[in-house]
Every structure is written in structure tokens, then in C-alpha cells.
Amino acid sequence: MHAIVDADRKIALTPEIGAEPGDEVFLERRGDEWVLRVAKLPMGLVRDGERLVHRGVSTKSAEEVLEELRNERFDQLSEGLPK
């Protein structure tokens, strides 16, 4: 990747870096180079309020995640009802 430092000493990161606005990044010096790492939140499907948001790579298929969420919601809705 090639970037230019602007007048405020900032660089714009391209999408393939994986950083989103507001993400925390770590800079590590290795000899005469700098390594940038993006601090990631829990990976896979996570709740963001009422929405499911994909963050990274999930070890489960979308169908498995949806089935688990359906079962969890069903359990919540049927709580207290006779089985």
C-alpha cells in the first residue's frame, strides 16, 4: 500500500487494511519499519442493538447462527409457558 501524509500528518487507509472509522490501531516498530495492526472486536455475528453485524470471520455458517438465534428467541418467548 502507498499513502501520502497530509498537512495534519495523517494518512488515509485503504479498505483492504480492514480498519473502519473509530477502530483502534496499534503501531509496532520492527527495526526500521513500522507494523500497523487493527484491534478487532469479537469476530463473527455480534449484536449491535437490534441488529446483527458481521465482524470478521465466523466459524459457524450463517444457517447455524440463525438457528441458534431462533432457538434463543423462541426460548425467551415461551418462557413460563407449559411444555
PDB file of N, CA and C in Angstrom:
ATOM      1  N   MET A   1       0.840  -1.172   0.000  1.00  0.00           N
ATOM      2  CA  MET A   1       0.000   0.000   0.000  1.00  0.00           C
ATOM      3  C   MET A   1       0.881   1.229   0.000  1.00  0.00           C
ATOM      4  N   HIS A   2       0.449   2.233  -0.705  1.00  0.00           N
ATOM      5  CA  HIS A   2       1.163   3.504  -0.776  1.00  0.00           C
ATOM      6  C   HIS A   2       0.228   4.585  -0.240  1.00  0.00           C
ATOM      7  N   ALA A   3       0.728   5.442   0.637  1.00  0.00           N
ATOM      8  CA  ALA A   3      -0.090   6.516   1.197  1.00  0.00           C
ATOM      9  C   ALA A   3       0.750   7.775   1.306  1.00  0.00           C
ATOM     10  N   ILE A   4       0.062   8.904   1.295  1.00  0.00           N
ATOM     11  CA  ILE A   4       0.707  10.213   1.434  1.00  0.00           C
ATOM     12  C   ILE A   4       0.294  10.813   2.775  1.00  0.00           C
ATOM     13  N   VAL A   5       1.251  11.370   3.490  1.00  0.00           N
ATOM     14  CA  VAL A   5       0.957  12.057   4.752  1.00  0.00           C
ATOM     15  C   VAL A   5       0.441  13.450   4.406  1.00  0.00           C
ATOM     16  N   ASP A   6      -0.744  13.820   4.952  1.00  0.00           N
ATOM     17  CA  ASP A   6      -1.302  15.135   4.647  1.00  0.00           C
ATOM     18  C   ASP A   6      -0.716  16.202   5.574  1.00  0.00           C
ATOM     19  N   ALA A   7      -1.215  17.430   5.460  1.00  0.00           N
ATOM     20  CA  ALA A   7      -0.690  18.548   6.245  1.00  0.00           C
ATOM     21  C   ALA A   7      -0.876  18.348   7.745  1.00  0.00           C
ATOM     22  N   ASP A   8      -1.886  17.569   8.144  1.00  0.00           N
ATOM     23  CA  ASP A   8      -2.120  17.279   9.567  1.00  0.00           C
ATOM     24  C   ASP A   8      -1.361  16.046  10.038  1.00  0.00           C
ATOM     25  N   ARG A   9      -0.444  15.532   9.187  1.00  0.00           N
ATOM     26  CA  ARG A   9       0.356  14.333   9.473  1.00  0.00           C
ATOM     27  C   ARG A   9      -0.513  13.090   9.608  1.00  0.00           C
ATOM     28  N   LYS A  10      -1.579  13.015   8.826  1.00  0.00           N
ATOM     29  CA  LYS A  10      -2.477  11.864   8.815  1.00  0.00           C
ATOM     30  C   LYS A  10      -2.354  11.154   7.475  1.00  0.00           C
ATOM     31  N   ILE A  11      -2.643   9.843   7.508  1.00  0.00           N
ATOM     32  CA  ILE A  11      -2.709   9.082   6.261  1.00  0.00           C
ATOM     33  C   ILE A  11      -4.078   8.424   6.181  1.00  0.00           C
ATOM     34  N   ALA A  12      -4.555   8.229   4.967  1.00  0.00           N
ATOM     35  CA  ALA A  12      -5.831   7.548   4.751  1.00  0.00           C
ATOM     36  C   ALA A  12      -5.526   6.078   4.472  1.00  0.00           C
ATOM     37  N   LEU A  13      -6.211   5.179   5.182  1.00  0.00           N
ATOM     38  CA  LEU A  13      -6.008   3.748   4.996  1.00  0.00           C
ATOM     39  C   LEU A  13      -7.017   3.217   3.992  1.00  0.00           C
ATOM     40  N   THR A  14      -6.573   2.365   3.107  1.00  0.00           N
ATOM     41  CA  THR A  14      -7.468   1.777   2.117  1.00  0.00           C
ATOM     42  C   THR A  14      -8.300   0.675   2.771  1.00  0.00           C
ATOM     43  N   PRO A  15      -9.462   0.339   2.184  1.00  0.00           N
ATOM     44  CA  PRO A  15     -10.354  -0.655   2.798  1.00  0.00           C
ATOM     45  C   PRO A  15      -9.710  -2.017   3.054  1.00  0.00           C
ATOM     46  N   GLU A  16      -8.751  -2.428   2.226  1.00  0.00           N
ATOM     47  CA  GLU A  16      -8.160  -3.755   2.425  1.00  0.00           C
ATOM     48  C   GLU A  16      -7.358  -3.872   3.722  1.00  0.00           C
ATOM     49  N   ILE A  17      -7.038  -2.761   4.360  1.00  0.00           N
ATOM     50  CA  ILE A  17      -6.360  -2.797   5.658  1.00  0.00           C
ATOM     51  C   ILE A  17      -7.306  -3.360   6.715  1.00  0.00           C
ATOM     52  N   GLY A  18      -8.594  -3.124   6.545  1.00  0.00           N
ATOM     53  CA  GLY A  18      -9.574  -3.671   7.480  1.00  0.00           C
ATOM     54  C   GLY A  18      -9.937  -2.734   8.614  1.00  0.00           C
ATOM     55  N   ALA A  19      -9.438  -1.509   8.592  1.00  0.00           N
ATOM     56  CA  ALA A  19      -9.760  -0.549   9.646  1.00  0.00           C
ATOM     57  C   ALA A  19     -10.972   0.270   9.230  1.00  0.00           C
ATOM     58  N   GLU A  20     -11.868   0.482  10.180  1.00  0.00           N
ATOM     59  CA  GLU A  20     -13.055   1.306   9.980  1.00  0.00           C
ATOM     60  C   GLU A  20     -12.912   2.560  10.834  1.00  0.00           C
ATOM     61  N   PRO A  21     -13.607   3.639  10.472  1.00  0.00           N
ATOM     62  CA  PRO A  21     -13.537   4.843  11.304  1.00  0.00           C
ATOM     63  C   PRO A  21     -13.878   4.509  12.760  1.00  0.00           C
ATOM     64  N   GLY A  22     -13.042   4.960  13.670  1.00  0.00           N
ATOM     65  CA  GLY A  22     -13.241   4.701  15.086  1.00  0.00           C
ATOM     66  C   GLY A  22     -12.518   3.474  15.607  1.00  0.00           C
ATOM     67  N   ASP A  23     -11.976   2.628  14.710  1.00  0.00           N
ATOM     68  CA  ASP A  23     -11.233   1.449  15.146  1.00  0.00           C
ATOM     69  C   ASP A  23      -9.924   1.862  15.821  1.00  0.00           C
ATOM     70  N   GLU A  24      -9.514   1.051  16.766  1.00  0.00           N
ATOM     71  CA  GLU A  24      -8.228   1.253  17.427  1.00  0.00           C
ATOM     72  C   GLU A  24      -7.162   0.505  16.633  1.00  0.00           C
ATOM     73  N   VAL A  25      -6.022   1.153  16.413  1.00  0.00           N
ATOM     74  CA  VAL A  25      -4.915   0.505  15.706  1.00  0.00           C
ATOM     75  C   VAL A  25      -3.671   0.560  16.589  1.00  0.00           C
ATOM     76  N   PHE A  26      -2.812  -0.417  16.393  1.00  0.00           N
ATOM     77  CA  PHE A  26      -1.551  -0.480  17.118  1.00  0.00           C
ATOM     78  C   PHE A  26      -0.408  -0.327  16.124  1.00  0.00           C
ATOM     79  N   LEU A  27       0.568   0.481  16.477  1.00  0.00           N
ATOM     80  CA  LEU A  27       1.769   0.628  15.673  1.00  0.00           C
ATOM     81  C   LEU A  27       2.925   0.010  16.443  1.00  0.00           C
ATOM     82  N   GLU A  28       3.677  -0.832  15.764  1.00  0.00           N
ATOM     83  CA  GLU A  28       4.797  -1.518  16.404  1.00  0.00           C
ATOM     84  C   GLU A  28       6.038  -1.308  15.558  1.00  0.00           C
ATOM     85  N   ARG A  29       7.101  -0.883  16.201  1.00  0.00           N
ATOM     86  CA  ARG A  29       8.353  -0.665  15.475  1.00  0.00           C
ATOM     87  C   ARG A  29       9.140  -1.967  15.419  1.00  0.00           C
ATOM     88  N   ARG A  30       9.536  -2.348  14.215  1.00  0.00           N
ATOM     89  CA  ARG A  30      10.365  -3.543  13.996  1.00  0.00           C
ATOM     90  C   ARG A  30      11.575  -3.118  13.176  1.00  0.00           C
ATOM     91  N   GLY A  31      12.653  -2.857  13.889  1.00  0.00           N
ATOM     92  CA  GLY A  31      13.850  -2.373  13.207  1.00  0.00           C
ATOM     93  C   GLY A  31      13.582  -0.999  12.630  1.00  0.00           C
ATOM     94  N   ASP A  32      13.746  -0.856  11.315  1.00  0.00           N
ATOM     95  CA  ASP A  32      13.491   0.436  10.676  1.00  0.00           C
ATOM     96  C   ASP A  32      12.114   0.485  10.002  1.00  0.00           C
ATOM     97  N   GLU A  33      11.228  -0.450  10.369  1.00  0.00           N
ATOM     98  CA  GLU A  33       9.878  -0.491   9.803  1.00  0.00           C
ATOM     99  C   GLU A  33       8.844  -0.320  10.913  1.00  0.00           C
ATOM    100  N   TRP A  34       7.646   0.082  10.512  1.00  0.00           N
ATOM    101  CA  TRP A  34       6.501   0.167  11.412  1.00  0.00           C
ATOM    102  C   TRP A  34       5.449  -0.808  10.939  1.00  0.00           C
ATOM    103  N   VAL A  35       4.869  -1.567  11.871  1.00  0.00           N
ATOM    104  CA  VAL A  35       3.818  -2.518  11.559  1.00  0.00           C
ATOM    105  C   VAL A  35       2.529  -1.996  12.178  1.00  0.00           C
ATOM    106  N   LEU A  36       1.461  -1.941  11.362  1.00  0.00           N
ATOM    107  CA  LEU A  36       0.165  -1.475  11.819  1.00  0.00           C
ATOM    108  C   LEU A  36      -0.749  -2.673  11.998  1.00  0.00           C
ATOM    109  N   ARG A  37      -1.375  -2.779  13.170  1.00  0.00           N
ATOM    110  CA  ARG A  37      -2.344  -3.847  13.433  1.00  0.00           C
ATOM    111  C   ARG A  37      -3.652  -3.206  13.867  1.00  0.00           C
ATOM    112  N   VAL A  38      -4.736  -3.714  13.330  1.00  0.00           N
ATOM    113  CA  VAL A  38      -6.057  -3.219  13.695  1.00  0.00           C
ATOM    114  C   VAL A  38      -6.579  -4.076  14.839  1.00  0.00           C
ATOM    115  N   ALA A  39      -6.975  -3.427  15.939  1.00  0.00           N
ATOM    116  CA  ALA A  39      -7.571  -4.144  17.074  1.00  0.00           C
ATOM    117  C   ALA A  39      -8.997  -4.470  16.697  1.00  0.00           C
ATOM    118  N   LYS A  40      -9.309  -5.730  16.658  1.00  0.00           N
ATOM    119  CA  LYS A  40     -10.639  -6.163  16.228  1.00  0.00           C
ATOM    120  C   LYS A  40     -11.505  -6.552  17.412  1.00  0.00           C
ATOM    121  N   LEU A  41     -12.793  -6.306  17.250  1.00  0.00           N
ATOM    122  CA  LEU A  41     -13.793  -6.727  18.221  1.00  0.00           C
ATOM    123  C   LEU A  41     -14.039  -8.223  18.047  1.00  0.00           C
ATOM    124  N   PRO A  42     -14.858  -8.817  18.916  1.00  0.00           N
ATOM    125  CA  PRO A  42     -15.167 -10.231  18.739  1.00  0.00           C
ATOM    126  C   PRO A  42     -15.622 -10.510  17.306  1.00  0.00           C
ATOM    127  N   MET A  43     -15.162 -11.623  16.778  1.00  0.00           N
ATOM    128  CA  MET A  43     -15.422 -11.921  15.385  1.00  0.00           C
ATOM    129  C   MET A  43     -16.721 -12.691  15.210  1.00  0.00           C
ATOM    130  N   GLY A  44     -17.238 -12.683  14.008  1.00  0.00           N
ATOM    131  CA  GLY A  44     -18.472 -13.375  13.674  1.00  0.00           C
ATOM    132  C   GLY A  44     -19.654 -12.443  13.782  1.00  0.00           C
ATOM    133  N   LEU A  45     -20.824 -12.999  13.919  1.00  0.00           N
ATOM    134  CA  LEU A  45     -22.034 -12.197  14.062  1.00  0.00           C
ATOM    135  C   LEU A  45     -22.190 -11.773  15.514  1.00  0.00           C
ATOM    136  N   VAL A  46     -22.286 -10.486  15.730  1.00  0.00           N
ATOM    137  CA  VAL A  46     -22.479  -9.947  17.069  1.00  0.00           C
ATOM    138  C   VAL A  46     -23.650  -8.980  17.049  1.00  0.00           C
ATOM    139  N   ARG A  47     -24.324  -8.860  18.175  1.00  0.00           N
ATOM    140  CA  ARG A  47     -25.452  -7.935  18.269  1.00  0.00           C
ATOM    141  C   ARG A  47     -24.954  -6.507  18.411  1.00  0.00           C
ATOM    142  N   ASP A  48     -25.579  -5.611  17.649  1.00  0.00           N
ATOM    143  CA  ASP A  48     -25.329  -4.181  17.745  1.00  0.00           C
ATOM    144  C   ASP A  48     -26.708  -3.552  17.907  1.00  0.00           C
ATOM    145  N   GLY A  49     -27.164  -3.481  19.152  1.00  0.00           N
ATOM    146  CA  GLY A  49     -28.534  -3.054  19.406  1.00  0.00           C
ATOM    147  C   GLY A  49     -29.495  -4.122  18.916  1.00  0.00           C
ATOM    148  N   GLU A  50     -30.368  -3.771  18.001  1.00  0.00           N
ATOM    149  CA  GLU A  50     -31.353  -4.709  17.448  1.00  0.00           C
ATOM    150  C   GLU A  50     -30.828  -5.430  16.209  1.00  0.00           C
ATOM    151  N   ARG A  51     -29.628  -5.084  15.746  1.00  0.00           N
ATOM    152  CA  ARG A  51     -29.104  -5.644  14.505  1.00  0.00           C
ATOM    153  C   ARG A  51     -28.021  -6.678  14.768  1.00  0.00           C
ATOM    154  N   LEU A  52     -27.845  -7.573  13.795  1.00  0.00           N
ATOM    155  CA  LEU A  52     -26.691  -8.463  13.783  1.00  0.00           C
ATOM    156  C   LEU A  52     -25.667  -7.865  12.835  1.00  0.00           C
ATOM    157  N   VAL A  53     -24.422  -7.772  13.296  1.00  0.00           N
ATOM    158  CA  VAL A  53     -23.357  -7.197  12.485  1.00  0.00           C
ATOM    159  C   VAL A  53     -22.260  -8.236  12.360  1.00  0.00           C
ATOM    160  N   HIS A  54     -21.734  -8.410  11.157  1.00  0.00           N
ATOM    161  CA  HIS A  54     -20.642  -9.363  10.952  1.00  0.00           C
ATOM    162  C   HIS A  54     -19.321  -8.660  11.205  1.00  0.00           C
ATOM    163  N   ARG A  55     -18.533  -9.199  12.096  1.00  0.00           N
ATOM    164  CA  ARG A  55     -17.211  -8.654  12.416  1.00  0.00           C
ATOM    165  C   ARG A  55     -16.185  -9.760  12.250  1.00  0.00           C
ATOM    166  N   GLY A  56     -15.570  -9.804  11.094  1.00  0.00           N
ATOM    167  CA  GLY A  56     -14.521 -10.785  10.863  1.00  0.00           C
ATOM    168  C   GLY A  56     -15.052 -12.087  10.314  1.00  0.00           C
ATOM    169  N   VAL A  57     -14.363 -13.141  10.618  1.00  0.00           N
ATOM    170  CA  VAL A  57     -14.673 -14.461  10.074  1.00  0.00           C
ATOM    171  C   VAL A  57     -15.389 -15.285  11.129  1.00  0.00           C
ATOM    172  N   SER A  58     -16.499 -15.887  10.748  1.00  0.00           N
ATOM    173  CA  SER A  58     -17.249 -16.727  11.668  1.00  0.00           C
ATOM    174  C   SER A  58     -16.859 -18.185  11.468  1.00  0.00           C
ATOM    175  N   THR A  59     -16.809 -18.934  12.544  1.00  0.00           N
ATOM    176  CA  THR A  59     -16.508 -20.360  12.439  1.00  0.00           C
ATOM    177  C   THR A  59     -17.774 -21.159  12.167  1.00  0.00           C
ATOM    178  N   LYS A  60     -18.921 -20.483  12.242  1.00  0.00           N
ATOM    179  CA  LYS A  60     -20.202 -21.147  12.004  1.00  0.00           C
ATOM    180  C   LYS A  60     -20.811 -20.605  10.716  1.00  0.00           C
ATOM    181  N   SER A  61     -21.636 -21.439  10.083  1.00  0.00           N
ATOM    182  CA  SER A  61     -22.333 -20.963   8.895  1.00  0.00           C
ATOM    183  C   SER A  61     -23.444 -20.009   9.316  1.00  0.00           C
ATOM    184  N   ALA A  62     -23.906 -19.205   8.368  1.00  0.00           N
ATOM    185  CA  ALA A  62     -24.998 -18.283   8.656  1.00  0.00           C
ATOM    186  C   ALA A  62     -26.236 -19.046   9.115  1.00  0.00           C
ATOM    187  N   GLU A  63     -26.472 -20.229   8.528  1.00  0.00           N
ATOM    188  CA  GLU A  63     -27.629 -21.042   8.910  1.00  0.00           C
ATOM    189  C   GLU A  63     -27.541 -21.489  10.369  1.00  0.00           C
ATOM    190  N   GLU A  64     -26.338 -21.896  10.802  1.00  0.00           N
ATOM    191  CA  GLU A  64     -26.156 -22.318  12.194  1.00  0.00           C
ATOM    192  C   GLU A  64     -26.390 -21.165  13.157  1.00  0.00           C
ATOM    193  N   VAL A  65     -25.878 -20.007  12.823  1.00  0.00           N
ATOM    194  CA  VAL A  65     -26.045 -18.835  13.683  1.00  0.00           C
ATOM    195  C   VAL A  65     -27.516 -18.451  13.762  1.00  0.00           C
ATOM    196  N   LEU A  66     -28.200 -18.434  12.603  1.00  0.00           N
ATOM    197  CA  LEU A  66     -29.618 -18.085  12.592  1.00  0.00           C
ATOM    198  C   LEU A  66     -30.444 -19.086  13.392  1.00  0.00           C
ATOM    199  N   GLU A  67     -30.127 -20.373  13.272  1.00  0.00           N
ATOM    200  CA  GLU A  67     -30.844 -21.403  14.029  1.00  0.00           C
ATOM    201  C   GLU A  67     -30.668 -21.181  15.534  1.00  0.00           C
ATOM    202  N   GLU A  68     -29.436 -20.894  15.959  1.00  0.00           N
ATOM    203  CA  GLU A  68     -29.180 -20.633  17.373  1.00  0.00           C
ATOM    204  C   GLU A  68     -29.964 -19.413  17.860  1.00  0.00           C
ATOM    205  N   LEU A  69     -29.977 -18.353  17.045  1.00  0.00           N
ATOM    206  CA  LEU A  69     -30.699 -17.149  17.427  1.00  0.00           C
ATOM    207  C   LEU A  69     -32.207 -17.393  17.471  1.00  0.00           C
ATOM    208  N   ARG A  70     -32.720 -18.162  16.518  1.00  0.00           N
ATOM    209  CA  ARG A  70     -34.147 -18.506  16.527  1.00  0.00           C
ATOM    210  C   ARG A  70     -34.502 -19.284  17.793  1.00  0.00           C
ATOM    211  N   ASN A  71     -33.677 -20.277  18.123  1.00  0.00           N
ATOM    212  CA  ASN A  71     -33.929 -21.080  19.327  1.00  0.00           C
ATOM    213  C   ASN A  71     -33.867 -20.223  20.586  1.00  0.00           C
ATOM    214  N   GLU A  72     -32.891 -19.332  20.639  1.00  0.00           N
ATOM    215  CA  GLU A  72     -32.751 -18.436  21.787  1.00  0.00           C
ATOM    216  C   GLU A  72     -33.994 -17.544  21.913  1.00  0.00           C
ATOM    217  N   ARG A  73     -34.451 -16.990  20.794  1.00  0.00           N
ATOM    218  CA  ARG A  73     -35.634 -16.131  20.809  1.00  0.00           C
ATOM    219  C   ARG A  73     -36.893 -16.932  21.182  1.00  0.00           C
ATOM    220  N   PHE A  74     -37.020 -18.136  20.649  1.00  0.00           N
ATOM    221  CA  PHE A  74     -38.154 -18.995  20.980  1.00  0.00           C
ATOM    222  C   PHE A  74     -38.184 -19.286  22.480  1.00  0.00           C
ATOM    223  N   ASP A  75     -37.020 -19.596  23.037  1.00  0.00           N
ATOM    224  CA  ASP A  75     -36.932 -19.852  24.480  1.00  0.00           C
ATOM    225  C   ASP A  75     -37.373 -18.631  25.279  1.00  0.00           C
ATOM    226  N   GLN A  76     -36.963 -17.439  24.835  1.00  0.00           N
ATOM    227  CA  GLN A  76     -37.360 -16.212  25.529  1.00  0.00           C
ATOM    228  C   GLN A  76     -38.870 -16.013  25.457  1.00  0.00           C
ATOM    229  N   LEU A  77     -39.433 -16.232  24.266  1.00  0.00           N
ATOM    230  CA  LEU A  77     -40.871 -16.008  24.077  1.00  0.00           C
ATOM    231  C   LEU A  77     -41.724 -17.041  24.801  1.00  0.00           C
ATOM    232  N   SER A  78     -41.199 -18.261  24.918  1.00  0.00           N
ATOM    233  CA  SER A  78     -42.007 -19.321  25.527  1.00  0.00           C
ATOM    234  C   SER A  78     -41.708 -19.504  27.018  1.00  0.00           C
ATOM    235  N   GLU A  79     -40.885 -18.638  27.574  1.00  0.00           N
ATOM    236  CA  GLU A  79     -40.546 -18.749  28.992  1.00  0.00           C
ATOM    237  C   GLU A  79     -41.819 -18.638  29.846  1.00  0.00           C
ATOM    238  N   GLY A  80     -41.985 -19.577  30.735  1.00  0.00           N
ATOM    239  CA  GLY A  80     -43.129 -19.576  31.617  1.00  0.00           C
ATOM    240  C   GLY A  80     -44.336 -20.316  31.085  1.00  0.00           C
ATOM    241  N   LEU A  81     -44.305 -20.719  29.827  1.00  0.00           N
ATOM    242  CA  LEU A  81     -45.418 -21.487  29.254  1.00  0.00           C
ATOM    243  C   LEU A  81     -45.220 -22.973  29.548  1.00  0.00           C
ATOM    244  N   PRO A  82     -46.308 -23.739  29.700  1.00  0.00           N
ATOM    245  CA  PRO A  82     -46.146 -25.183  29.914  1.00  0.00           C
ATOM    246  C   PRO A  82     -45.536 -25.831  28.675  1.00  0.00           C
ATOM    247  N   LYS A  83     -44.716 -26.840  28.911  1.00  0.00           N
ATOM    248  CA  LYS A  83     -44.044 -27.517  27.788  1.00  0.00           C
ATOM    249  C   LYS A  83     -44.805 -28.685  27.299  1.00  0.00           C
TER     250      LYS A  83
END
